[in-house]
Amino acid sequence: MNRMKLIALAVALIAAPAVGHAQQRDTVKRDTVKKESTAEKVGRQTGTSVDKAAKTTEHNVKAAGSATKTNASHAASATKTNASHATSATKTNASHATSATKTNASHAASATKTNANNAAKATKTNFNHLKKDIKKATADTIKPAPKP
């Protein structure tokens, strides 16, 4: 009896996968599309890559053209602004130079006037000192010194 069970089990193990394959072949259709060869696949992928590269290049050219136009516009605007600022700065510097020249002239005139006044005072003071010295010197020679 044990032998019979083992044989039945062996037959069941062998027959079950075969039955499963047989049923699968009946229900699933085979792929009838011809498989693509490696050379065909490489050719198709290369063509796709070339198309993508061409599109990318075209896009980059458009983007570069747009960027160049924008940069040129910005450069022109910056140049115009810089010229305006330079003109304004030159005008301001000229105004400051004129004001400084006027101030310096005023200071020079004031300093000249002060120096002239100081020179006149010094001359007067020196004259008074000389006058005193002359009086003192002539007094000693004209009048004899008092006797003690």
Protein backbone atom coordinates (compact mmCIF):
# COMPACT_ATOMS: atom_id res chain seq x y z
CA MET A 1 0.00 0.00 0.00
CA ASN A 2 2.81 2.37 0.75
CA ARG A 3 4.31 1.57 -2.56
CA MET A 4 1.10 2.52 -4.31
CA LYS A 5 0.95 5.85 -2.55
CA LEU A 6 4.52 6.66 -3.53
CA ILE A 7 3.88 5.79 -7.14
CA ALA A 8 0.70 7.85 -7.18
CA LEU A 9 2.56 10.76 -5.62
CA ALA A 10 5.39 10.52 -8.16
CA VAL A 11 2.92 10.40 -11.07
CA ALA A 12 1.07 13.40 -9.63
CA LEU A 13 4.30 15.42 -9.30
CA ILE A 14 5.33 14.69 -12.86
CA ALA A 15 1.92 15.09 -14.45
CA ALA A 16 0.82 18.31 -12.69
CA PRO A 17 3.39 20.66 -14.30
CA ALA A 18 2.82 19.08 -17.68
CA VAL A 19 -0.92 19.68 -17.39
CA GLY A 20 -0.28 23.31 -16.32
CA HIS A 21 1.91 23.92 -19.37
CA ALA A 22 -0.60 22.28 -21.64
CA GLN A 23 -3.39 24.50 -20.35
CA GLN A 24 -1.26 27.62 -20.60
CA ARG A 25 -0.43 27.01 -24.23
CA ASP A 26 -4.08 26.69 -25.04
CA THR A 27 -5.14 29.95 -23.35
CA VAL A 28 -2.20 32.35 -24.05
CA LYS A 29 -1.56 33.54 -27.59
CA ARG A 30 2.00 33.51 -28.79
CA ASP A 31 3.66 36.79 -29.65
CA THR A 32 3.52 37.01 -33.42
CA VAL A 33 5.48 40.30 -33.66
CA LYS A 34 8.92 39.80 -35.10
CA LYS A 35 11.63 40.60 -32.55
CA GLU A 36 13.87 43.50 -33.40
CA SER A 37 17.50 42.63 -34.04
CA THR A 38 20.30 44.29 -32.06
CA ALA A 39 21.44 46.25 -35.11
CA GLU A 40 17.91 47.52 -35.70
CA LYS A 41 17.57 48.51 -32.05
CA VAL A 42 20.89 50.39 -32.09
CA GLY A 43 19.90 52.10 -35.33
CA ARG A 44 16.53 53.16 -33.91
CA GLN A 45 18.11 54.43 -30.68
CA THR A 46 20.83 56.28 -32.58
CA GLY A 47 18.22 57.96 -34.76
CA THR A 48 16.30 58.96 -31.66
CA SER A 49 19.49 60.32 -30.07
CA VAL A 50 20.30 62.33 -33.19
CA ASP A 51 16.77 63.77 -33.23
CA LYS A 52 17.03 64.72 -29.56
CA ALA A 53 20.46 66.29 -30.13
CA ALA A 54 19.12 68.31 -33.05
CA LYS A 55 16.17 69.56 -31.00
CA THR A 56 18.48 70.42 -28.08
CA THR A 57 20.85 72.29 -30.38
CA GLU A 58 17.98 74.22 -31.92
CA HIS A 59 16.68 75.12 -28.46
CA ASN A 60 20.16 76.20 -27.32
CA VAL A 61 20.59 78.40 -30.39
CA LYS A 62 17.28 80.13 -29.69
CA ALA A 63 18.15 80.56 -26.01
CA ALA A 64 21.63 81.90 -26.84
CA GLY A 65 20.15 84.36 -29.34
CA SER A 66 17.66 85.58 -26.78
CA ALA A 67 20.36 85.88 -24.10
CA THR A 68 22.65 87.79 -26.48
CA LYS A 69 19.83 90.21 -27.33
CA THR A 70 19.04 90.70 -23.63
CA ASN A 71 22.71 91.21 -22.74
CA ALA A 72 23.13 93.75 -25.54
CA SER A 73 20.06 95.63 -24.32
CA HIS A 74 21.36 95.65 -20.75
CA ALA A 75 24.80 96.77 -21.88
CA ALA A 76 23.32 99.65 -23.88
CA SER A 77 21.19 100.70 -20.93
CA ALA A 78 24.16 100.52 -18.56
CA THR A 79 26.31 102.56 -20.96
CA LYS A 80 23.60 105.23 -21.22
CA THR A 81 23.24 105.35 -17.43
CA ASN A 82 27.01 105.52 -16.94
CA ALA A 83 27.29 108.39 -19.42
CA SER A 84 24.51 110.24 -17.62
CA HIS A 85 26.20 109.71 -14.26
CA ALA A 86 29.56 110.85 -15.65
CA THR A 87 27.97 114.05 -17.02
CA SER A 88 26.26 114.72 -13.71
CA ALA A 89 29.47 114.05 -11.78
CA THR A 90 31.45 116.37 -14.06
CA LYS A 91 28.88 119.12 -13.60
CA THR A 92 28.90 118.63 -9.81
CA ASN A 93 32.72 118.58 -9.71
CA ALA A 94 32.88 121.82 -11.73
CA SER A 95 30.41 123.44 -9.35
CA HIS A 96 32.44 122.29 -6.34
CA ALA A 97 35.66 123.52 -7.92
CA THR A 98 34.11 126.96 -8.55
CA SER A 99 32.84 127.13 -4.99
CA ALA A 100 36.22 126.05 -3.60
CA THR A 101 38.04 128.64 -5.74
CA LYS A 102 35.70 131.37 -4.52
CA THR A 103 36.19 130.26 -0.89
CA ASN A 104 39.97 130.09 -1.32
CA ALA A 105 40.04 133.58 -2.83
CA SER A 106 37.97 134.90 0.07
CA HIS A 107 40.29 133.24 2.59
CA ALA A 108 43.36 134.60 0.80
CA ALA A 109 41.93 138.14 0.84
CA SER A 110 41.09 137.84 4.51
CA ALA A 111 44.54 136.46 5.32
CA THR A 112 46.19 139.28 3.34
CA LYS A 113 44.15 141.88 5.22
CA THR A 114 45.00 140.24 8.58
CA ASN A 115 48.68 140.04 7.64
CA ALA A 116 48.69 143.71 6.63
CA ASN A 117 47.07 144.71 9.93
CA ASN A 118 49.54 142.60 11.88
CA ALA A 119 52.44 144.10 9.94
CA ALA A 120 51.17 147.64 10.64
CA LYS A 121 50.82 146.86 14.35
CA ALA A 122 54.30 145.34 14.43
CA THR A 123 55.74 148.38 12.63
CA LYS A 124 54.03 150.74 15.08
CA THR A 125 55.23 148.69 18.04
CA ASN A 126 58.77 148.56 16.67
CA PHE A 127 58.68 152.36 16.06
CA ASN A 128 57.56 152.98 19.66
CA HIS A 129 60.33 150.72 21.01
CA LEU A 130 62.93 152.48 18.86
CA LYS A 131 61.61 155.88 19.97
CA LYS A 132 61.99 154.88 23.63
CA ASP A 133 65.47 153.52 23.00
CA ILE A 134 66.51 156.72 21.20
CA LYS A 135 65.12 158.92 24.00
CA LYS A 136 66.94 156.86 26.56
CA ALA A 137 70.21 156.97 24.63
CA THR A 138 70.05 160.71 23.95
CA ALA A 139 69.00 161.48 27.49
CA ASP A 140 72.12 159.83 28.83
CA THR A 141 74.39 161.81 26.58
CA ILE A 142 72.68 165.20 26.88
CA LYS A 143 71.99 165.25 30.57
CA PRO A 144 74.66 164.26 32.95
CA ALA A 145 73.67 161.62 35.33
CA PRO A 146 72.62 162.95 38.75
CA LYS A 147 75.20 162.75 41.43
CA PRO A 148 74.47 160.60 44.34
